[in-house]
Amino acid sequence: MYILLALVGACVLGIAAHFLIGGREFRGVAVTPAIATALAAVVYTGMQWLGVGEDSIWLWLASVLGAVVVAAALTIMIVAARRRSDAAAKAALGI
């Protein structure tokens, strides 16, 4: 049941990261929270299988904050790729 706390925390922080990162017009509103939530689930489950207990701070830092940091980095990469793609398309069209 504690995994739900990690998932909700990662999703909420992912929503906050969505609004803090620029270029919202280049991505969907659910991209960053979805990536953060999925990563939190994988990390939390993996660390539990490795024997890390729910009372360990490392489980929570890695699954919640780590997932949000990685999701923010991936979102920035998605925005940069989209900007490059749009610039190339505009240059090809002569706009």
PDB file of N, CA and C in Angstrom:
ATOM      1  N   MET A   1       0.795  -1.204   0.000  1.00  0.00           N
ATOM      2  CA  MET A   1       0.000   0.000   0.000  1.00  0.00           C
ATOM      3  C   MET A   1       0.839   1.271   0.000  1.00  0.00           C
ATOM      4  N   TYR A   2       2.044   1.171   0.551  1.00  0.00           N
ATOM      5  CA  TYR A   2       2.882   2.368   0.603  1.00  0.00           C
ATOM      6  C   TYR A   2       3.309   2.829  -0.796  1.00  0.00           C
ATOM      7  N   ILE A   3       3.267   1.919  -1.753  1.00  0.00           N
ATOM      8  CA  ILE A   3       3.644   2.308  -3.112  1.00  0.00           C
ATOM      9  C   ILE A   3       2.696   3.388  -3.634  1.00  0.00           C
ATOM     10  N   LEU A   4       1.451   3.372  -3.181  1.00  0.00           N
ATOM     11  CA  LEU A   4       0.507   4.401  -3.625  1.00  0.00           C
ATOM     12  C   LEU A   4       0.937   5.792  -3.169  1.00  0.00           C
ATOM     13  N   LEU A   5       1.518   5.883  -1.983  1.00  0.00           N
ATOM     14  CA  LEU A   5       2.030   7.178  -1.527  1.00  0.00           C
ATOM     15  C   LEU A   5       3.153   7.663  -2.435  1.00  0.00           C
ATOM     16  N   ALA A   6       4.035   6.750  -2.817  1.00  0.00           N
ATOM     17  CA  ALA A   6       5.128   7.124  -3.711  1.00  0.00           C
ATOM     18  C   ALA A   6       4.599   7.549  -5.080  1.00  0.00           C
ATOM     19  N   LEU A   7       3.609   6.827  -5.576  1.00  0.00           N
ATOM     20  CA  LEU A   7       3.062   7.157  -6.897  1.00  0.00           C
ATOM     21  C   LEU A   7       2.322   8.488  -6.888  1.00  0.00           C
ATOM     22  N   VAL A   8       1.530   8.718  -5.859  1.00  0.00           N
ATOM     23  CA  VAL A   8       0.806   9.992  -5.767  1.00  0.00           C
ATOM     24  C   VAL A   8       1.787  11.141  -5.591  1.00  0.00           C
ATOM     25  N   GLY A   9       2.802  10.953  -4.748  1.00  0.00           N
ATOM     26  CA  GLY A   9       3.813  12.000  -4.556  1.00  0.00           C
ATOM     27  C   GLY A   9       4.559  12.317  -5.836  1.00  0.00           C
ATOM     28  N   ALA A  10       4.947  11.281  -6.571  1.00  0.00           N
ATOM     29  CA  ALA A  10       5.657  11.500  -7.834  1.00  0.00           C
ATOM     30  C   ALA A  10       4.756  12.185  -8.858  1.00  0.00           C
ATOM     31  N   CYS A  11       3.487  11.806  -8.888  1.00  0.00           N
ATOM     32  CA  CYS A  11       2.559  12.432  -9.834  1.00  0.00           C
ATOM     33  C   CYS A  11       2.345  13.906  -9.509  1.00  0.00           C
ATOM     34  N   VAL A  12       2.167  14.223  -8.239  1.00  0.00           N
ATOM     35  CA  VAL A  12       1.962  15.626  -7.833  1.00  0.00           C
ATOM     36  C   VAL A  12       3.202  16.459  -8.138  1.00  0.00           C
ATOM     37  N   LEU A  13       4.379  15.923  -7.813  1.00  0.00           N
ATOM     38  CA  LEU A  13       5.601  16.658  -8.124  1.00  0.00           C
ATOM     39  C   LEU A  13       5.842  16.723  -9.639  1.00  0.00           C
ATOM     40  N   GLY A  14       5.380  15.718 -10.362  1.00  0.00           N
ATOM     41  CA  GLY A  14       5.460  15.757 -11.824  1.00  0.00           C
ATOM     42  C   GLY A  14       4.580  16.844 -12.411  1.00  0.00           C
ATOM     43  N   ILE A  15       3.408  17.041 -11.819  1.00  0.00           N
ATOM     44  CA  ILE A  15       2.521  18.137 -12.253  1.00  0.00           C
ATOM     45  C   ILE A  15       3.191  19.474 -11.994  1.00  0.00           C
ATOM     46  N   ALA A  16       3.807  19.604 -10.820  1.00  0.00           N
ATOM     47  CA  ALA A  16       4.517  20.851 -10.507  1.00  0.00           C
ATOM     48  C   ALA A  16       5.668  21.074 -11.483  1.00  0.00           C
ATOM     49  N   ALA A  17       6.402  20.016 -11.790  1.00  0.00           N
ATOM     50  CA  ALA A  17       7.517  20.139 -12.742  1.00  0.00           C
ATOM     51  C   ALA A  17       7.005  20.536 -14.130  1.00  0.00           C
ATOM     52  N   HIS A  18       5.836  20.021 -14.509  1.00  0.00           N
ATOM     53  CA  HIS A  18       5.262  20.391 -15.810  1.00  0.00           C
ATOM     54  C   HIS A  18       5.072  21.897 -15.918  1.00  0.00           C
ATOM     55  N   PHE A  19       4.594  22.510 -14.848  1.00  0.00           N
ATOM     56  CA  PHE A  19       4.347  23.940 -14.891  1.00  0.00           C
ATOM     57  C   PHE A  19       5.611  24.770 -14.700  1.00  0.00           C
ATOM     58  N   LEU A  20       6.656  24.189 -14.125  1.00  0.00           N
ATOM     59  CA  LEU A  20       7.909  24.917 -13.927  1.00  0.00           C
ATOM     60  C   LEU A  20       8.813  24.886 -15.154  1.00  0.00           C
ATOM     61  N   ILE A  21       8.658  23.868 -15.980  1.00  0.00           N
ATOM     62  CA  ILE A  21       9.501  23.734 -17.172  1.00  0.00           C
ATOM     63  C   ILE A  21       8.826  24.468 -18.324  1.00  0.00           C
ATOM     64  N   GLY A  22       9.610  25.250 -19.032  1.00  0.00           N
ATOM     65  CA  GLY A  22       9.068  26.000 -20.161  1.00  0.00           C
ATOM     66  C   GLY A  22       8.765  25.109 -21.348  1.00  0.00           C
ATOM     67  N   GLY A  23       8.136  25.660 -22.343  1.00  0.00           N
ATOM     68  CA  GLY A  23       7.835  24.936 -23.571  1.00  0.00           C
ATOM     69  C   GLY A  23       6.618  24.042 -23.463  1.00  0.00           C
ATOM     70  N   ARG A  24       5.642  24.458 -22.668  1.00  0.00           N
ATOM     71  CA  ARG A  24       4.442  23.630 -22.496  1.00  0.00           C
ATOM     72  C   ARG A  24       3.670  23.448 -23.793  1.00  0.00           C
ATOM     73  N   GLU A  25       3.844  24.378 -24.727  1.00  0.00           N
ATOM     74  CA  GLU A  25       3.118  24.259 -25.997  1.00  0.00           C
ATOM     75  C   GLU A  25       3.686  23.161 -26.892  1.00  0.00           C
ATOM     76  N   PHE A  26       4.833  22.605 -26.521  1.00  0.00           N
ATOM     77  CA  PHE A  26       5.481  21.570 -27.321  1.00  0.00           C
ATOM     78  C   PHE A  26       5.240  20.166 -26.796  1.00  0.00           C
ATOM     79  N   ARG A  27       4.486  20.019 -25.708  1.00  0.00           N
ATOM     80  CA  ARG A  27       4.263  18.684 -25.150  1.00  0.00           C
ATOM     81  C   ARG A  27       2.874  18.632 -24.520  1.00  0.00           C
ATOM     82  N   GLY A  28       2.424  17.443 -24.235  1.00  0.00           N
ATOM     83  CA  GLY A  28       1.128  17.248 -23.602  1.00  0.00           C
ATOM     84  C   GLY A  28       1.184  17.528 -22.108  1.00  0.00           C
ATOM     85  N   VAL A  29       0.030  17.780 -21.542  1.00  0.00           N
ATOM     86  CA  VAL A  29      -0.045  18.125 -20.130  1.00  0.00           C
ATOM     87  C   VAL A  29       0.262  16.926 -19.242  1.00  0.00           C
ATOM     88  N   ALA A  30       0.095  15.720 -19.731  1.00  0.00           N
ATOM     89  CA  ALA A  30       0.289  14.531 -18.905  1.00  0.00           C
ATOM     90  C   ALA A  30       1.653  13.872 -19.083  1.00  0.00           C
ATOM     91  N   VAL A  31       2.512  14.424 -19.928  1.00  0.00           N
ATOM     92  CA  VAL A  31       3.789  13.768 -20.218  1.00  0.00           C
ATOM     93  C   VAL A  31       4.666  13.677 -18.979  1.00  0.00           C
ATOM     94  N   THR A  32       4.953  14.787 -18.345  1.00  0.00           N
ATOM     95  CA  THR A  32       5.856  14.792 -17.196  1.00  0.00           C
ATOM     96  C   THR A  32       5.283  14.014 -16.015  1.00  0.00           C
ATOM     97  N   PRO A  33       4.025  14.225 -15.625  1.00  0.00           N
ATOM     98  CA  PRO A  33       3.502  13.421 -14.519  1.00  0.00           C
ATOM     99  C   PRO A  33       3.455  11.928 -14.828  1.00  0.00           C
ATOM    100  N   ALA A  34       3.165  11.575 -16.063  1.00  0.00           N
ATOM    101  CA  ALA A  34       3.109  10.151 -16.430  1.00  0.00           C
ATOM    102  C   ALA A  34       4.487   9.511 -16.350  1.00  0.00           C
ATOM    103  N   ILE A  35       5.502  10.196 -16.850  1.00  0.00           N
ATOM    104  CA  ILE A  35       6.857   9.669 -16.773  1.00  0.00           C
ATOM    105  C   ILE A  35       7.288   9.535 -15.318  1.00  0.00           C
ATOM    106  N   ALA A  36       7.016  10.544 -14.512  1.00  0.00           N
ATOM    107  CA  ALA A  36       7.401  10.516 -13.100  1.00  0.00           C
ATOM    108  C   ALA A  36       6.702   9.375 -12.362  1.00  0.00           C
ATOM    109  N   THR A  37       5.431   9.183 -12.618  1.00  0.00           N
ATOM    110  CA  THR A  37       4.683   8.130 -11.937  1.00  0.00           C
ATOM    111  C   THR A  37       5.172   6.749 -12.356  1.00  0.00           C
ATOM    112  N   ALA A  38       5.405   6.541 -13.636  1.00  0.00           N
ATOM    113  CA  ALA A  38       5.886   5.243 -14.113  1.00  0.00           C
ATOM    114  C   ALA A  38       7.275   4.934 -13.550  1.00  0.00           C
ATOM    115  N   LEU A  39       8.150   5.917 -13.560  1.00  0.00           N
ATOM    116  CA  LEU A  39       9.486   5.699 -13.007  1.00  0.00           C
ATOM    117  C   LEU A  39       9.436   5.426 -11.510  1.00  0.00           C
ATOM    118  N   ALA A  40       8.573   6.126 -10.801  1.00  0.00           N
ATOM    119  CA  ALA A  40       8.443   5.892  -9.358  1.00  0.00           C
ATOM    120  C   ALA A  40       7.985   4.463  -9.086  1.00  0.00           C
ATOM    121  N   ALA A  41       7.058   3.955  -9.881  1.00  0.00           N
ATOM    122  CA  ALA A  41       6.589   2.582  -9.702  1.00  0.00           C
ATOM    123  C   ALA A  41       7.710   1.574  -9.929  1.00  0.00           C
ATOM    124  N   VAL A  42       8.489   1.792 -10.982  1.00  0.00           N
ATOM    125  CA  VAL A  42       9.586   0.865 -11.297  1.00  0.00           C
ATOM    126  C   VAL A  42      10.661   0.907 -10.221  1.00  0.00           C
ATOM    127  N   VAL A  43      11.050   2.096  -9.811  1.00  0.00           N
ATOM    128  CA  VAL A  43      12.108   2.235  -8.803  1.00  0.00           C
ATOM    129  C   VAL A  43      11.652   1.695  -7.456  1.00  0.00           C
ATOM    130  N   TYR A  44      10.448   2.037  -7.036  1.00  0.00           N
ATOM    131  CA  TYR A  44       9.932   1.567  -5.752  1.00  0.00           C
ATOM    132  C   TYR A  44       9.874   0.035  -5.735  1.00  0.00           C
ATOM    133  N   THR A  45       9.329  -0.552  -6.780  1.00  0.00           N
ATOM    134  CA  THR A  45       9.215  -2.010  -6.850  1.00  0.00           C
ATOM    135  C   THR A  45      10.586  -2.670  -6.888  1.00  0.00           C
ATOM    136  N   GLY A  46      11.485  -2.119  -7.682  1.00  0.00           N
ATOM    137  CA  GLY A  46      12.827  -2.676  -7.767  1.00  0.00           C
ATOM    138  C   GLY A  46      13.564  -2.625  -6.445  1.00  0.00           C
ATOM    139  N   MET A  47      13.448  -1.524  -5.749  1.00  0.00           N
ATOM    140  CA  MET A  47      14.132  -1.406  -4.459  1.00  0.00           C
ATOM    141  C   MET A  47      13.503  -2.314  -3.410  1.00  0.00           C
ATOM    142  N   GLN A  48      12.194  -2.511  -3.493  1.00  0.00           N
ATOM    143  CA  GLN A  48      11.547  -3.446  -2.579  1.00  0.00           C
ATOM    144  C   GLN A  48      12.030  -4.868  -2.838  1.00  0.00           C
ATOM    145  N   TRP A  49      12.163  -5.249  -4.092  1.00  0.00           N
ATOM    146  CA  TRP A  49      12.668  -6.578  -4.431  1.00  0.00           C
ATOM    147  C   TRP A  49      14.113  -6.762  -3.978  1.00  0.00           C
ATOM    148  N   LEU A  50      14.864  -5.672  -3.944  1.00  0.00           N
ATOM    149  CA  LEU A  50      16.248  -5.747  -3.474  1.00  0.00           C
ATOM    150  C   LEU A  50      16.350  -5.779  -1.956  1.00  0.00           C
ATOM    151  N   GLY A  51      15.232  -5.637  -1.265  1.00  0.00           N
ATOM    152  CA  GLY A  51      15.224  -5.768   0.180  1.00  0.00           C
ATOM    153  C   GLY A  51      15.230  -4.464   0.954  1.00  0.00           C
ATOM    154  N   VAL A  52      15.080  -3.352   0.283  1.00  0.00           N
ATOM    155  CA  VAL A  52      15.028  -2.061   0.973  1.00  0.00           C
ATOM    156  C   VAL A  52      13.640  -1.925   1.608  1.00  0.00           C
ATOM    157  N   GLY A  53      13.607  -1.639   2.893  1.00  0.00           N
ATOM    158  CA  GLY A  53      12.340  -1.557   3.614  1.00  0.00           C
ATOM    159  C   GLY A  53      11.630  -0.232   3.422  1.00  0.00           C
ATOM    160  N   GLU A  54      10.348  -0.224   3.754  1.00  0.00           N
ATOM    161  CA  GLU A  54       9.554   0.996   3.609  1.00  0.00           C
ATOM    162  C   GLU A  54       9.977   2.095   4.580  1.00  0.00           C
ATOM    163  N   ASP A  55      10.722   1.739   5.608  1.00  0.00           N
ATOM    164  CA  ASP A  55      11.166   2.735   6.576  1.00  0.00           C
ATOM    165  C   ASP A  55      12.481   3.401   6.170  1.00  0.00           C
ATOM    166  N   SER A  56      13.033   2.999   5.032  1.00  0.00           N
ATOM    167  CA  SER A  56      14.292   3.575   4.554  1.00  0.00           C
ATOM    168  C   SER A  56      14.029   4.868   3.784  1.00  0.00           C
ATOM    169  N   ILE A  57      14.764   5.896   4.136  1.00  0.00           N
ATOM    170  CA  ILE A  57      14.626   7.176   3.435  1.00  0.00           C
ATOM    171  C   ILE A  57      15.082   7.065   1.984  1.00  0.00           C
ATOM    172  N   TRP A  58      16.016   6.151   1.723  1.00  0.00           N
ATOM    173  CA  TRP A  58      16.550   6.008   0.357  1.00  0.00           C
ATOM    174  C   TRP A  58      15.485   5.491  -0.604  1.00  0.00           C
ATOM    175  N   LEU A  59      14.597   4.658  -0.113  1.00  0.00           N
ATOM    176  CA  LEU A  59      13.500   4.178  -0.946  1.00  0.00           C
ATOM    177  C   LEU A  59      12.631   5.341  -1.400  1.00  0.00           C
ATOM    178  N   TRP A  60      12.316   6.235  -0.494  1.00  0.00           N
ATOM    179  CA  TRP A  60      11.434   7.356  -0.803  1.00  0.00           C
ATOM    180  C   TRP A  60      12.135   8.411  -1.640  1.00  0.00           C
ATOM    181  N   LEU A  61      13.396   8.685  -1.333  1.00  0.00           N
ATOM    182  CA  LEU A  61      14.131   9.674  -2.135  1.00  0.00           C
ATOM    183  C   LEU A  61      14.316   9.199  -3.562  1.00  0.00           C
ATOM    184  N   ALA A  62      14.700   7.945  -3.715  1.00  0.00           N
ATOM    185  CA  ALA A  62      14.938   7.416  -5.064  1.00  0.00           C
ATOM    186  C   ALA A  62      13.644   7.307  -5.853  1.00  0.00           C
ATOM    187  N   SER A  63      12.593   6.794  -5.212  1.00  0.00           N
ATOM    188  CA  SER A  63      11.369   6.550  -5.974  1.00  0.00           C
ATOM    189  C   SER A  63      10.578   7.817  -6.254  1.00  0.00           C
ATOM    190  N   VAL A  64      10.575   8.758  -5.344  1.00  0.00           N
ATOM    191  CA  VAL A  64       9.770   9.972  -5.563  1.00  0.00           C
ATOM    192  C   VAL A  64      10.620  11.077  -6.186  1.00  0.00           C
ATOM    193  N   LEU A  65      11.634  11.517  -5.481  1.00  0.00           N
ATOM    194  CA  LEU A  65      12.431  12.636  -6.002  1.00  0.00           C
ATOM    195  C   LEU A  65      13.270  12.239  -7.211  1.00  0.00           C
ATOM    196  N   GLY A  66      13.847  11.051  -7.168  1.00  0.00           N
ATOM    197  CA  GLY A  66      14.639  10.594  -8.310  1.00  0.00           C
ATOM    198  C   GLY A  66      13.805  10.487  -9.575  1.00  0.00           C
ATOM    199  N   ALA A  67      12.603   9.960  -9.425  1.00  0.00           N
ATOM    200  CA  ALA A  67      11.721   9.833 -10.584  1.00  0.00           C
ATOM    201  C   ALA A  67      11.345  11.191 -11.154  1.00  0.00           C
ATOM    202  N   VAL A  68      11.107  12.166 -10.297  1.00  0.00           N
ATOM    203  CA  VAL A  68      10.733  13.507 -10.770  1.00  0.00           C
ATOM    204  C   VAL A  68      11.918  14.184 -11.457  1.00  0.00           C
ATOM    205  N   VAL A  69      13.108  14.008 -10.919  1.00  0.00           N
ATOM    206  CA  VAL A  69      14.299  14.602 -11.546  1.00  0.00           C
ATOM    207  C   VAL A  69      14.522  14.004 -12.933  1.00  0.00           C
ATOM    208  N   VAL A  70      14.410  12.684 -13.047  1.00  0.00           N
ATOM    209  CA  VAL A  70      14.581  12.038 -14.354  1.00  0.00           C
ATOM    210  C   VAL A  70      13.461  12.457 -15.304  1.00  0.00           C
ATOM    211  N   ALA A  71      12.230  12.539 -14.806  1.00  0.00           N
ATOM    212  CA  ALA A  71      11.108  12.960 -15.655  1.00  0.00           C
ATOM    213  C   ALA A  71      11.298  14.388 -16.150  1.00  0.00           C
ATOM    214  N   ALA A  72      11.808  15.262 -15.287  1.00  0.00           N
ATOM    215  CA  ALA A  72      12.062  16.647 -15.704  1.00  0.00           C
ATOM    216  C   ALA A  72      13.148  16.690 -16.773  1.00  0.00           C
ATOM    217  N   ALA A  73      14.191  15.896 -16.601  1.00  0.00           N
ATOM    218  CA  ALA A  73      15.261  15.856 -17.608  1.00  0.00           C
ATOM    219  C   ALA A  73      14.739  15.321 -18.941  1.00  0.00           C
ATOM    220  N   LEU A  74      13.940  14.281 -18.896  1.00  0.00           N
ATOM    221  CA  LEU A  74      13.361  13.750 -20.137  1.00  0.00           C
ATOM    222  C   LEU A  74      12.415  14.746 -20.790  1.00  0.00           C
ATOM    223  N   THR A  75      11.668  15.486 -19.991  1.00  0.00           N
ATOM    224  CA  THR A  75      10.764  16.500 -20.533  1.00  0.00           C
ATOM    225  C   THR A  75      11.547  17.608 -21.223  1.00  0.00           C
ATOM    226  N   ILE A  76      12.634  18.024 -20.624  1.00  0.00           N
ATOM    227  CA  ILE A  76      13.479  19.052 -21.248  1.00  0.00           C
ATOM    228  C   ILE A  76      14.043  18.542 -22.564  1.00  0.00           C
ATOM    229  N   MET A  77      14.428  17.266 -22.596  1.00  0.00           N
ATOM    230  CA  MET A  77      14.937  16.684 -23.842  1.00  0.00           C
ATOM    231  C   MET A  77      13.844  16.599 -24.902  1.00  0.00           C
ATOM    232  N   ILE A  78      12.625  16.274 -24.503  1.00  0.00           N
ATOM    233  CA  ILE A  78      11.501  16.208 -25.446  1.00  0.00           C
ATOM    234  C   ILE A  78      11.216  17.589 -26.034  1.00  0.00           C
ATOM    235  N   VAL A  79      11.218  18.600 -25.184  1.00  0.00           N
ATOM    236  CA  VAL A  79      10.963  19.969 -25.649  1.00  0.00           C
ATOM    237  C   VAL A  79      12.061  20.419 -26.613  1.00  0.00           C
ATOM    238  N   ALA A  80      13.318  20.127 -26.285  1.00  0.00           N
ATOM    239  CA  ALA A  80      14.428  20.520 -27.160  1.00  0.00           C
ATOM    240  C   ALA A  80      14.333  19.815 -28.515  1.00  0.00           C
ATOM    241  N   ALA A  81      13.995  18.538 -28.494  1.00  0.00           N
ATOM    242  CA  ALA A  81      13.853  17.796 -29.753  1.00  0.00           C
ATOM    243  C   ALA A  81      12.698  18.342 -30.583  1.00  0.00           C
ATOM    244  N   ARG A  82      11.624  18.697 -29.938  1.00  0.00           N
ATOM    245  CA  ARG A  82      10.473  19.242 -30.658  1.00  0.00           C
ATOM    246  C   ARG A  82      10.790  20.607 -31.266  1.00  0.00           C
ATOM    247  N   ARG A  83      11.527  21.430 -30.507  1.00  0.00           N
ATOM    248  CA  ARG A  83      11.919  22.733 -31.045  1.00  0.00           C
ATOM    249  C   ARG A  83      12.815  22.574 -32.274  1.00  0.00           C
ATOM    250  N   ARG A  84      13.782  21.642 -32.185  1.00  0.00           N
ATOM    251  CA  ARG A  84      14.658  21.394 -33.341  1.00  0.00           C
ATOM    252  C   ARG A  84      13.860  20.878 -34.523  1.00  0.00           C
ATOM    253  N   SER A  85      12.922  19.978 -34.279  1.00  0.00           N
ATOM    254  CA  SER A  85      12.114  19.426 -35.354  1.00  0.00           C
ATOM    255  C   SER A  85      11.236  20.501 -36.005  1.00  0.00           C
ATOM    256  N   ASP A  86      10.648  21.346 -35.188  1.00  0.00           N
ATOM    257  CA  ASP A  86       9.821  22.422 -35.733  1.00  0.00           C
ATOM    258  C   ASP A  86      10.656  23.429 -36.524  1.00  0.00           C
ATOM    259  N   ALA A  87      11.859  23.737 -36.017  1.00  0.00           N
ATOM    260  CA  ALA A  87      12.733  24.674 -36.724  1.00  0.00           C
ATOM    261  C   ALA A  87      13.166  24.082 -38.073  1.00  0.00           C
ATOM    262  N   ALA A  88      13.463  22.790 -38.074  1.00  0.00           N
ATOM    263  CA  ALA A  88      13.868  22.144 -39.338  1.00  0.00           C
ATOM    264  C   ALA A  88      12.714  22.111 -40.329  1.00  0.00           C
ATOM    265  N   ALA A  89      11.513  21.855 -39.834  1.00  0.00           N
ATOM    266  CA  ALA A  89      10.342  21.829 -40.717  1.00  0.00           C
ATOM    267  C   ALA A  89      10.065  23.226 -41.275  1.00  0.00           C
ATOM    268  N   LYS A  90      10.189  24.250 -40.457  1.00  0.00           N
ATOM    269  CA  LYS A  90       9.982  25.616 -40.936  1.00  0.00           C
ATOM    270  C   LYS A  90      11.045  26.023 -41.944  1.00  0.00           C
ATOM    271  N   ALA A  91      12.288  25.615 -41.715  1.00  0.00           N
ATOM    272  CA  ALA A  91      13.366  25.930 -42.645  1.00  0.00           C
ATOM    273  C   ALA A  91      13.144  25.208 -43.977  1.00  0.00           C
ATOM    274  N   ALA A  92      12.674  23.977 -43.917  1.00  0.00           N
ATOM    275  CA  ALA A  92      12.414  23.218 -45.142  1.00  0.00           C
ATOM    276  C   ALA A  92      11.271  23.836 -45.952  1.00  0.00           C
ATOM    277  N   LEU A  93      10.316  24.411 -45.266  1.00  0.00           N
ATOM    278  CA  LEU A  93       9.194  25.055 -45.939  1.00  0.00           C
ATOM    279  C   LEU A  93       9.476  26.495 -46.326  1.00  0.00           C
ATOM    280  N   GLY A  94      10.578  27.030 -45.821  1.00  0.00           N
ATOM    281  CA  GLY A  94      10.928  28.413 -46.117  1.00  0.00           C
ATOM    282  C   GLY A  94      10.115  29.421 -45.333  1.00  0.00           C
ATOM    283  N   ILE A  95       9.668  29.050 -44.191  1.00  0.00           N
ATOM    284  CA  ILE A  95       8.848  29.941 -43.360  1.00  0.00           C
ATOM    285  C   ILE A  95       9.753  30.746 -42.454  1.00  0.00           C
TER     286      ILE A  95
END
